[in-house]
Protein backbone atom coordinates (compact mmCIF):
# COMPACT_ATOMS: atom_id res chain seq x y z
CA MET A 1 127.76 105.96 114.24
CA LYS A 2 131.69 105.24 112.66
CA ARG A 3 131.76 102.95 115.44
CA GLN A 4 128.35 101.36 115.02
CA TYR A 5 129.37 100.65 111.06
CA LEU A 6 133.31 99.50 111.54
CA ALA A 7 131.26 96.95 113.94
CA LEU A 8 129.05 96.72 111.08
CA ALA A 9 131.78 95.69 108.62
CA VAL A 10 133.13 93.74 110.42
CA ALA A 11 130.53 91.16 111.61
CA VAL A 12 129.97 90.64 107.67
CA ALA A 13 132.98 90.09 107.23
CA THR A 14 132.76 87.31 109.40
CA ALA A 15 129.84 85.93 107.83
CA PHE A 16 131.49 86.52 104.26
CA SER A 17 135.07 85.38 104.97
CA THR A 18 135.58 82.50 102.61
CA PRO A 19 138.59 81.15 101.84
CA GLY A 20 139.63 80.29 98.07
CA LEU A 21 139.84 82.07 94.77
CA ALA A 22 139.37 85.09 93.60
CA ASN A 23 136.31 84.43 91.31
CA THR A 24 134.28 83.76 94.31
CA PHE A 25 131.28 85.48 93.23
CA ARG A 26 129.03 87.16 97.23
CA TRP A 27 125.44 87.93 96.84
CA ALA A 28 123.91 89.81 99.37
CA THR A 29 119.72 89.86 99.15
CA SER A 30 117.69 90.86 101.87
CA THR A 31 115.33 87.84 102.21
CA GLY A 32 116.41 84.48 101.85
CA VAL A 33 114.79 81.32 100.44
CA ALA A 34 111.71 80.17 101.88
CA THR A 35 113.01 76.44 101.14
CA MET A 36 115.59 74.93 98.45
CA ASP A 37 112.31 72.60 97.57
CA PRO A 38 110.89 74.99 94.26
CA HIS A 39 107.97 73.09 94.35
CA ALA A 40 107.19 73.52 98.25
CA SER A 41 107.62 77.16 97.60
CA GLY A 42 106.57 79.78 94.88
CA ASP A 43 107.67 82.88 96.31
CA THR A 44 110.16 85.03 93.86
CA THR A 45 113.38 84.90 96.86
CA THR A 46 112.73 81.35 96.68
CA ARG A 47 112.55 81.20 92.88
CA ASN A 48 115.34 83.96 92.02
CA ILE A 49 117.88 81.98 93.57
CA MET A 50 116.80 78.13 93.30
CA ILE A 51 116.70 78.69 89.82
CA ASN A 52 120.92 78.48 89.44
CA VAL A 53 120.25 75.31 90.73
CA TYR A 54 117.21 73.73 89.47
CA GLU A 55 115.89 73.78 85.38
CA GLY A 56 113.20 74.05 83.99
CA LEU A 57 112.43 72.40 80.46
CA VAL A 58 112.37 76.26 79.44
CA ARG A 59 114.69 79.83 80.04
CA LEU A 60 114.37 83.18 79.45
CA THR A 61 117.83 84.42 78.22
CA GLU A 62 119.17 88.27 79.23
CA ASP A 63 116.51 89.71 77.33
CA SER A 64 113.54 87.42 78.04
CA LYS A 65 113.29 85.57 74.79
CA ILE A 66 112.37 81.85 75.55
CA GLU A 67 114.46 79.30 74.62
CA GLY A 68 115.50 75.53 75.75
CA GLU A 69 116.91 74.32 78.84
CA LEU A 70 116.37 70.30 79.65
CA ALA A 71 114.08 70.66 76.52
CA VAL A 72 116.06 71.19 72.98
CA SER A 73 112.50 72.17 70.78
CA TRP A 74 108.61 71.92 71.63
CA GLU A 75 106.17 71.29 69.42
CA ALA A 76 102.39 71.09 69.07
CA VAL A 77 101.63 68.30 67.24
CA GLU A 78 97.80 68.35 68.52
CA PRO A 79 95.58 71.57 69.15
CA THR A 80 96.07 69.92 73.06
CA VAL A 81 99.13 68.35 72.76
CA TRP A 82 102.73 69.88 73.05
CA ARG A 83 105.75 67.31 72.00
CA PHE A 84 109.19 68.12 74.02
CA LYS A 85 113.14 66.92 72.75
CA LEU A 86 114.98 66.46 75.98
CA ARG A 87 118.60 67.07 76.21
CA PRO A 88 120.15 63.89 75.92
CA ASN A 89 123.64 63.62 78.62
CA VAL A 90 122.35 65.83 81.41
CA THR A 91 122.95 65.04 84.25
CA PHE A 92 121.76 65.16 87.89
CA HIS A 93 123.98 66.90 90.66
CA ASP A 94 124.44 63.76 92.62
CA GLY A 95 125.79 61.57 89.08
CA SER A 96 122.79 60.43 88.24
CA PRO A 97 121.63 60.35 84.24
CA PHE A 98 118.53 63.49 83.16
CA THR A 99 115.24 61.44 81.54
CA ALA A 100 111.95 61.70 80.46
CA GLU A 101 111.30 59.81 84.11
CA ASP A 102 112.30 63.02 85.96
CA VAL A 103 109.65 65.84 84.02
CA ILE A 104 107.27 63.38 84.71
CA PHE A 105 107.80 62.40 88.93
CA SER A 106 108.60 66.17 88.98
CA PHE A 107 104.94 66.95 87.08
CA LYS A 108 103.07 64.68 89.77
CA ARG A 109 105.15 66.46 92.48
CA ALA A 110 104.94 69.79 91.42
CA THR A 111 100.87 69.69 91.41
CA MET A 112 100.44 67.52 94.46
CA ALA A 113 98.30 69.54 97.43
CA SER A 114 101.19 70.19 99.17
CA SER A 115 102.47 72.19 96.50
CA ASP A 116 102.86 76.01 96.31
CA ILE A 117 103.07 75.80 92.28
CA ARG A 118 100.45 73.63 90.89
CA ALA A 119 98.33 76.89 90.38
CA LYS A 120 100.48 77.41 87.66
CA LEU A 121 100.94 74.27 85.92
CA ARG A 122 96.59 73.73 86.59
CA VAL A 123 96.23 73.68 82.37
CA ILE A 124 97.97 70.54 82.25
CA LYS A 125 96.13 67.84 82.17
CA GLU A 126 98.50 64.89 82.13
CA MET A 127 102.72 65.11 81.47
CA ARG A 128 102.90 61.68 79.35
CA LYS A 129 106.14 59.39 78.22
CA ILE A 130 106.88 58.96 75.33
CA ASP A 131 110.48 57.91 75.26
CA ASP A 132 114.02 58.20 77.40
CA LEU A 133 114.60 62.19 75.58
CA THR A 134 110.30 62.34 74.55
CA VAL A 135 107.68 63.92 77.01
CA GLU A 136 104.13 64.71 75.99
CA ALA A 137 102.11 67.87 77.62
CA VAL A 138 98.39 67.22 76.97
CA THR A 139 96.36 70.61 78.55
CA HIS A 140 92.61 70.27 79.05
CA ASP A 141 92.02 73.28 76.35
CA PRO A 142 93.47 74.59 74.04
CA ASN A 143 96.87 76.79 75.20
CA PRO A 144 98.67 79.36 72.98
CA ILE A 145 101.80 79.96 75.61
CA LEU A 146 102.48 76.39 77.02
CA PRO A 147 106.43 76.14 77.25
CA LYS A 148 106.62 80.05 78.16
CA GLY A 149 103.53 80.81 79.65
CA VAL A 150 103.41 77.22 82.31
CA LEU A 151 106.34 75.51 82.35
CA ILE A 152 108.62 77.98 82.74
CA PHE A 153 107.73 77.20 86.44
CA MET A 154 108.04 73.48 86.59
CA PRO A 155 112.20 72.87 88.13
CA VAL A 156 113.15 69.49 87.32
CA LEU A 157 114.17 66.65 90.40
CA SER A 158 115.98 63.65 90.38
CA HIS A 159 113.04 61.43 90.87
CA VAL A 160 115.94 58.68 91.88
CA TRP A 161 116.80 61.14 94.86
CA ALA A 162 113.56 61.69 96.01
CA GLU A 163 112.15 58.97 96.41
CA LYS A 164 116.26 57.77 98.22
CA ASN A 165 115.78 60.07 100.52
CA ASN A 166 111.61 59.95 101.46
CA ALA A 167 110.74 63.66 99.81
CA ALA A 168 109.05 62.11 97.14
CA GLU A 169 105.70 65.03 97.96
CA PRO A 170 107.00 68.89 98.63
CA ALA A 171 107.06 69.72 102.28
CA ASP A 172 105.52 73.89 102.53
CA ASN A 173 107.33 74.59 105.45
CA ARG A 174 106.08 77.88 105.89
CA ARG A 175 102.34 76.94 106.27
CA THR A 176 102.65 73.83 107.88
CA GLY A 177 105.35 73.52 109.74
CA LYS A 178 106.65 70.65 108.00
CA GLU A 179 109.90 69.57 105.95
CA ASN A 180 111.60 66.56 104.50
CA PHE A 181 114.86 66.23 102.78
CA ALA A 182 114.54 68.21 100.20
CA THR A 183 113.55 71.19 102.65
CA ARG A 184 117.73 72.07 103.44
CA ASN A 185 118.89 69.31 100.24
CA ALA A 186 118.83 70.19 96.59
CA ASN A 187 120.24 68.69 93.68
CA GLY A 188 119.38 70.09 90.44
CA THR A 189 121.14 69.83 86.98
CA GLY A 190 121.92 73.89 86.77
CA PRO A 191 124.97 75.18 86.34
CA PHE A 192 125.79 75.74 90.27
CA LYS A 193 125.23 72.85 93.11
CA VAL A 194 124.32 73.64 96.85
CA THR A 195 127.38 72.53 99.32
CA GLY A 196 126.08 74.40 101.93
CA TYR A 197 122.86 75.58 103.47
CA GLY A 198 123.61 77.36 106.83
CA ALA A 199 120.45 77.94 109.86
CA ASP A 200 120.97 81.79 109.38
CA GLY A 201 119.93 80.97 105.07
CA ARG A 202 123.81 81.53 104.16
CA ILE A 203 123.99 79.29 100.20
CA ASP A 204 127.14 77.94 99.26
CA LEU A 205 127.08 77.32 95.62
CA ALA A 206 130.13 75.15 93.25
CA VAL A 207 130.14 75.27 89.82
CA PHE A 208 128.78 71.47 88.71
CA ASP A 209 131.68 70.84 86.54
CA LYS A 210 129.58 68.72 84.45
CA TRP A 211 126.85 71.27 83.81
CA TRP A 212 125.62 70.18 79.56
CA ASP A 213 125.64 74.04 79.11
CA LYS A 214 128.89 76.08 78.12
CA PRO A 215 129.23 78.47 80.81
CA GLN A 216 129.84 81.73 80.16
CA HIS A 217 130.77 82.72 83.42
CA ASN A 218 134.16 82.68 85.11
CA LEU A 219 132.84 81.81 88.84
CA THR A 220 134.66 78.49 90.91
CA LYS A 221 131.94 79.37 94.43
CA ALA A 222 128.77 81.66 94.59
CA VAL A 223 128.30 83.21 98.32
CA ILE A 224 123.98 84.06 99.30
CA SER A 225 123.27 85.70 102.53
CA PRO A 226 120.96 87.26 103.73
CA ILE A 227 121.46 90.17 105.45
CA SER A 228 117.41 92.16 106.63
CA SER A 229 119.19 95.48 107.93
CA ASP A 230 120.14 97.92 105.02
CA ALA A 231 122.49 99.66 106.92
CA THR A 232 124.43 95.92 106.96
CA ARG A 233 124.27 95.30 103.74
CA VAL A 234 125.57 98.76 102.10
CA ALA A 235 128.13 98.61 104.68
CA ALA A 236 129.15 94.60 103.45
CA LEU A 237 129.44 96.59 99.62
CA LEU A 238 131.26 99.39 100.71
CA SER A 239 133.66 97.29 103.01
CA GLY A 240 134.34 95.08 99.61
CA GLU A 241 132.62 92.51 101.51
CA VAL A 242 130.12 92.10 99.25
CA ASP A 243 130.31 92.08 95.02
CA LEU A 244 126.93 92.66 95.20
CA ILE A 245 123.79 93.68 96.94
CA THR A 246 119.40 93.43 95.84
CA PRO A 247 118.29 95.35 96.74
CA LEU A 248 120.24 99.12 96.92
CA PRO A 249 118.02 101.17 99.54
CA GLY A 250 117.46 104.92 97.87
CA GLN A 251 118.52 106.88 100.28
CA ASP A 252 121.63 105.27 99.73
CA ILE A 253 122.05 104.99 96.11
CA PRO A 254 123.94 109.45 96.20
CA ARG A 255 126.93 107.05 98.58
CA VAL A 256 127.48 104.10 96.15
CA LYS A 257 127.02 107.01 92.54
CA SER A 258 130.35 108.34 94.43
CA SER A 259 132.35 105.40 94.55
CA ASP A 260 134.97 104.25 92.42
CA ASN A 261 134.49 101.09 92.76
CA LEU A 262 130.53 100.42 92.36
CA TYR A 263 128.10 101.46 90.13
CA ILE A 264 124.23 100.78 89.77
CA LEU A 265 121.52 98.64 87.91
CA SER A 266 118.15 100.53 87.80
CA GLY A 267 115.39 99.03 85.40
CA PRO A 268 111.45 98.78 85.82
CA ASP A 269 109.98 95.36 87.47
CA ALA A 270 107.95 92.92 86.42
CA ARG A 271 106.40 93.64 89.70
CA VAL A 272 103.31 95.30 91.01
CA VAL A 273 102.88 96.76 94.72
CA PHE A 274 99.16 96.08 95.70
CA LEU A 275 96.85 96.29 98.69
CA GLY A 276 94.58 93.17 98.89
CA PHE A 277 91.69 93.04 100.74
CA GLY A 278 90.09 89.87 102.95
CA GLN A 279 86.85 89.64 101.71
CA TRP A 280 85.42 85.42 102.59
CA ARG A 281 85.43 86.37 106.26
CA PRO A 282 82.00 87.72 107.17
CA GLU A 283 83.77 89.71 109.50
CA LEU A 284 87.31 90.80 110.15
CA PRO A 285 89.18 89.72 113.38
CA SER A 286 91.40 92.48 113.70
CA SER A 287 88.74 95.41 113.12
CA ASN A 288 86.14 96.92 115.97
CA ILE A 289 83.65 96.42 113.26
CA LYS A 290 81.57 93.24 114.05
CA GLY A 291 78.70 91.37 112.17
CA LYS A 292 79.54 92.63 108.99
CA ASN A 293 82.89 93.02 106.74
CA PRO A 294 83.14 96.35 105.75
CA PHE A 295 86.17 95.05 102.55
CA LYS A 296 83.25 93.17 101.01
CA ASP A 297 82.04 96.91 99.82
CA VAL A 298 83.04 98.38 97.05
CA ARG A 299 82.82 101.07 98.10
CA VAL A 300 84.98 100.89 101.37
CA ARG A 301 87.75 99.88 98.63
CA THR A 302 87.13 102.84 96.09
CA ALA A 303 87.51 105.31 99.55
CA PHE A 304 90.48 103.17 99.97
CA ALA A 305 91.77 104.04 96.24
CA HIS A 306 91.24 107.44 96.56
CA ALA A 307 92.73 108.59 100.18
CA ILE A 308 96.20 106.57 99.06
CA ASP A 309 98.59 108.78 96.75
CA ALA A 310 100.57 106.71 94.89
CA LYS A 311 102.57 109.65 93.30
CA LEU A 312 103.13 111.18 96.98
CA LEU A 313 104.28 107.54 98.30
CA ARG A 314 106.67 107.33 95.57
CA ASP A 315 108.23 110.66 95.47
CA LYS A 316 108.36 110.82 99.31
CA VAL A 317 109.32 107.30 100.50
CA LEU A 318 110.38 105.59 97.61
CA LEU A 319 112.54 108.60 96.40
CA GLY A 320 111.21 108.40 92.46
CA ASN A 321 112.47 104.52 92.56
CA GLY A 322 108.49 103.97 91.60
CA ASN A 323 106.12 104.01 88.39
CA PRO A 324 102.40 104.57 90.63
CA ILE A 325 99.83 102.13 87.60
CA PHE A 326 96.32 100.92 88.59
CA ALA A 327 96.30 97.64 87.28
CA MET A 328 97.69 94.18 88.55
CA ILE A 329 100.41 94.11 85.17
CA PRO A 330 103.03 95.83 84.52
CA PRO A 331 103.40 97.90 81.14
CA VAL A 332 106.05 95.05 79.77
CA ALA A 333 103.21 92.40 80.00
CA ASP A 334 100.76 91.53 77.25
CA GLY A 335 96.73 92.62 77.98
CA TRP A 336 98.18 95.61 79.92
CA ASP A 337 95.94 98.93 78.20
CA GLU A 338 96.69 102.67 78.68
CA SER A 339 94.04 103.83 80.58
CA PHE A 340 95.85 101.25 83.31
CA ALA A 341 97.93 104.00 84.00
CA GLU A 342 95.28 106.49 85.16
CA ARG A 343 94.65 105.57 89.02
CA PRO A 344 91.77 107.37 91.70
CA LYS A 345 92.36 111.11 91.73
CA PRO A 346 93.81 111.24 95.44
CA ASP A 347 90.46 113.47 97.02
CA VAL A 348 89.29 112.97 100.51
CA ALA A 349 86.23 113.95 100.48
CA MET A 350 84.63 112.13 98.05
CA ALA A 351 87.20 108.85 99.48
CA LYS A 352 84.52 110.11 103.06
CA LYS A 353 81.34 110.58 101.04
CA LEU A 354 82.11 106.94 100.38
CA MET A 355 82.53 105.33 103.94
CA ALA A 356 79.29 107.41 105.06
CA ASP A 357 77.17 105.75 102.38
CA ALA A 358 78.54 102.26 103.42
CA GLY A 359 78.17 103.20 106.99
CA TYR A 360 81.24 103.71 108.01
CA PRO A 361 81.26 107.83 108.48
CA ASP A 362 83.34 107.10 111.48
CA GLY A 363 85.60 104.66 109.53
CA PHE A 364 86.95 101.80 111.29
CA THR A 365 90.23 99.66 112.85
CA VAL A 366 91.97 96.63 111.57
CA ALA A 367 94.53 94.91 111.20
CA LEU A 368 97.27 95.73 108.49
CA ASP A 369 100.33 92.84 107.84
CA CYS A 370 103.74 94.78 106.77
CA PRO A 371 106.86 92.41 105.70
CA SER A 372 109.59 94.34 107.69
CA ASP A 373 112.31 92.81 105.82
CA GLY A 374 110.02 92.33 102.26
CA LEU A 375 109.51 94.80 99.09
CA GLN A 376 112.43 95.69 98.53
CA ASN A 377 113.10 96.44 102.17
CA MET A 378 110.63 99.70 101.96
CA GLY A 379 108.16 97.42 103.89
CA GLU A 380 107.72 99.71 107.31
CA PRO A 381 108.47 103.39 105.44
CA ILE A 382 105.43 102.25 102.62
CA CYS A 383 102.89 100.83 105.37
CA VAL A 384 103.26 103.26 108.33
CA ALA A 385 102.66 106.12 104.88
CA LEU A 386 100.10 104.52 103.78
CA ALA A 387 98.31 104.33 107.68
CA GLY A 388 98.80 108.12 107.82
CA MET A 389 97.06 109.07 104.46
CA LEU A 390 94.06 106.29 105.69
CA ALA A 391 93.54 107.99 109.30
CA ARG A 392 92.53 110.87 107.49
CA ILE A 393 88.66 109.16 106.66
CA GLY A 394 88.82 107.22 110.14
CA VAL A 395 90.62 104.38 109.31
CA LYS A 396 93.21 103.15 111.93
CA LEU A 397 95.80 100.88 110.79
CA ASP A 398 97.41 98.13 113.48
CA VAL A 399 100.76 97.93 110.74
CA LEU A 400 101.78 94.30 111.33
CA LEU A 401 105.59 94.52 110.82
CA GLN A 402 106.69 90.67 110.22
CA LYS A 403 109.60 88.80 109.10
CA GLN A 404 108.94 88.05 105.85
CA ALA A 405 108.94 84.33 106.14
CA ALA A 406 106.45 84.48 109.15
CA TYR A 407 104.33 87.54 106.92
CA ALA A 408 104.52 85.32 103.85
CA GLY A 409 103.27 81.97 105.82
CA LYS A 410 100.47 84.00 107.40
CA ILE A 411 99.45 85.27 103.57
CA GLY A 412 99.78 81.63 102.59
CA ARG A 413 97.56 80.48 104.63
CA ARG A 414 95.01 83.63 104.38
CA ASP A 415 95.45 84.57 107.90
CA THR A 416 95.32 87.91 107.72
CA ASP A 417 92.61 91.15 106.74
CA PHE A 418 93.80 93.27 105.41
CA TYR A 419 97.95 93.22 103.15
CA ILE A 420 100.37 94.62 101.53
CA HIS A 421 101.73 92.17 98.75
CA SER A 422 103.74 91.89 95.06
CA TRP A 423 103.45 90.12 92.19
CA GLY A 424 105.69 89.45 89.42
CA ALA A 425 104.67 89.06 86.04
CA THR A 426 107.46 86.86 85.52
CA THR A 427 106.14 85.52 81.93
CA PHE A 428 105.50 88.69 80.95
CA ASP A 429 101.83 88.22 80.39
CA ALA A 430 99.52 88.42 81.84
CA LEU A 431 97.34 85.48 82.30
CA ALA A 432 100.14 84.04 84.94
CA THR A 433 98.99 86.72 87.21
CA MET A 434 95.57 87.37 86.78
CA ASP A 435 94.85 83.18 87.11
CA LEU A 436 97.03 83.45 90.84
CA THR A 437 95.69 86.96 92.23
CA MET A 438 92.10 87.39 90.85
CA PHE A 439 90.49 84.40 89.90
CA SER A 440 88.12 82.81 93.13
CA TYR A 441 90.85 80.93 95.09
CA GLY A 442 89.51 77.45 95.18
CA GLU A 443 91.56 73.92 95.32
CA GLY A 444 94.25 74.37 93.49
CA VAL A 445 93.47 77.31 91.63
CA GLY A 446 93.62 81.18 92.65
CA THR A 447 96.15 80.69 95.51
CA TRP A 448 97.33 83.85 95.89
CA ASN A 449 94.46 85.30 95.83
CA VAL A 450 94.34 85.46 99.57
CA GLY A 451 91.40 88.29 100.15
CA SER A 452 89.47 85.86 97.67
CA TYR A 453 87.85 88.60 95.57
CA SER A 454 85.19 86.80 92.79
CA ASN A 455 83.69 87.93 90.24
CA PRO A 456 81.99 84.85 87.59
CA GLU A 457 82.41 87.20 84.58
CA VAL A 458 86.27 87.33 85.54
CA ASP A 459 86.71 84.08 85.78
CA SER A 460 84.98 83.17 82.05
CA LEU A 461 87.48 85.53 80.96
CA ILE A 462 90.55 83.76 82.63
CA THR A 463 89.85 80.75 81.89
CA GLY A 464 88.46 81.84 78.14
CA ALA A 465 91.73 83.69 77.49
CA ALA A 466 93.80 80.74 78.50
CA LYS A 467 92.60 78.24 75.84
CA GLU A 468 91.79 81.27 73.41
CA MET A 469 94.62 80.58 70.34
CA ASN A 470 93.76 83.19 69.11
CA LEU A 471 96.09 86.42 70.30
CA ASP A 472 94.24 88.99 69.60
CA LYS A 473 91.13 88.24 71.07
CA ARG A 474 93.26 86.17 74.38
CA ARG A 475 94.68 89.37 74.70
CA ALA A 476 91.20 91.92 74.61
CA MET A 477 90.06 88.98 77.08
CA MET A 478 92.67 89.42 80.31
CA THR A 479 92.13 93.25 79.38
CA LYS A 480 88.43 93.07 80.06
CA ALA A 481 89.16 90.84 83.48
CA LEU A 482 92.09 93.42 84.08
CA SER A 483 89.40 96.20 83.79
CA ILE A 484 86.77 94.87 85.99
CA HIS A 485 89.33 93.83 88.38
CA ARG A 486 90.27 97.38 88.45
CA SER A 487 86.38 99.22 88.56
CA GLU A 488 85.65 96.47 91.14
CA VAL A 489 88.71 97.50 93.47
CA GLY A 490 89.19 94.09 94.07
CA THR A 491 92.70 94.59 94.57
CA LEU A 492 94.25 97.57 95.41
CA PRO A 493 97.57 98.10 93.27
CA LEU A 494 100.25 101.31 94.02
CA TYR A 495 103.09 100.95 92.12
CA GLN A 496 105.70 99.01 89.96
CA PRO A 497 109.00 98.65 91.71
CA VAL A 498 112.56 99.93 90.23
CA LEU A 499 114.87 97.12 90.36
CA THR A 500 117.63 99.05 92.33
CA TYR A 501 121.05 97.09 92.26
CA ALA A 502 124.36 98.07 93.46
CA ALA A 503 127.78 95.79 92.67
CA SER A 504 131.69 96.46 92.56
CA LYS A 505 132.69 97.32 89.14
CA LYS A 506 135.21 93.81 89.63
CA ALA A 507 131.38 91.77 88.50
CA ARG A 508 129.43 92.24 85.13
CA VAL A 509 125.61 91.34 86.61
CA VAL A 510 122.53 90.97 84.41
CA GLN A 511 119.83 92.70 85.85
CA ARG A 512 116.77 91.48 83.98
CA ALA A 513 113.38 92.44 84.97
CA ASP A 514 111.21 89.37 86.95
CA ASP A 515 114.59 90.12 89.35
CA ALA A 516 116.17 86.68 89.24
CA VAL A 517 120.19 87.41 88.95
CA GLN A 518 121.39 84.16 87.05
CA LEU A 519 125.26 83.48 88.23
CA ARG A 520 125.42 81.73 84.69
CA TRP A 521 126.10 85.52 83.23
CA VAL A 522 128.15 86.24 85.91
CA LYS A 523 132.35 87.45 85.41
CA MET A 524 134.53 88.67 87.75
CA GLN A 525 137.76 90.63 86.86
């Protein structure tokens, strides 16, 4: 075992050896970015790394409050028109100036069919230029939370750079296999610029000296590398080869706590881990049931809810690092109701009766798509535990473990019968989650409602909440939609994760509930 860890440490030391100053920050993640293009992929890892390179009109503070980024101010000048005053004297990493043209271009690009974030911006009808430093967002209907709830999702690219390099459209390489210049190159306005992107997923960043804001960090460089193996990632931290690992596996918490040189950051995640049912196909290709789809029957979905013991999952698999809930949003999100913490009681007898009533007394077989290096590297043990629980009601799961990149592409194509996934309420508002994961799947809407749950009343409530200016009425509509979705087990929420990082005491790192590590706040001693 000692020989194994020595080999791991040597391998990691080679991977992270970066000549230069002591103020190089080395961060090991469990997964890498899907692409350098922030419009081509909306996955959390890509967003949370590229947020250090690309900026939007607004951003979140350390305590998750909204503030201006590329916009200095904004106001609703009409019920459906928001005006944004842009920040002057901002330059992109290639030296070109930032203007309103870049915002207009980025909106059009981010809402193209090949953009993975287009559904997040669908409430905006158009973005128009008033002058070089003023733009207006025209919405289809009044929208009370447009800056924080919508435009925080729109990274701005240079229109000159993108057009010059034939990258005027996003290329979603995970879904289509297509790439363009923006897939492996970047040019933002953020505090760090990309100086290298390796085939192994390693990203080298350098400080952008002409950044418009006053740096709160003291870094000169940063190196971000994906290390999917828990053992290797922890070994890298313990040996001092990296300064931060995300996440820290639960079983290694005692080892880190016992070190005088390390510390742990821990707090509730804004995400919810859930199971999704493929409800749109006439039959499930991976199942032994032919001619019909068991997941179309709410009794089957409810049986699954009673067969799964989320508290046992938390205690035995997650080692306490999870908060069992039964809604698609965490408690920190606007729209949450205390009743959402109540889960269906684990009851195998009731679950078996529901299965029998639905016509499946002997259960059935089905494949479960599971990321081997996702879900804070807990995908495999969680999926194996779920297979054991569902076996008690005759459901035989074929657990298909896949690397995160392959898994995300498969899920994005809806090429799945049954899957485990997570979604974050990164704006701390229910609507962003509901609009993408609960609204009926269609062109540019419900794009991550992979299982295609559909209820016209839920759609109507989501649509109404998006334009309701009375915040109390809006909140009531969101809560009602979530309640209906719960009662129909549109998806099967499992738990709210606990974010757990480990870092060297040489590095001051800020942990935020949206799991975004902002390098602009990192300080090295």
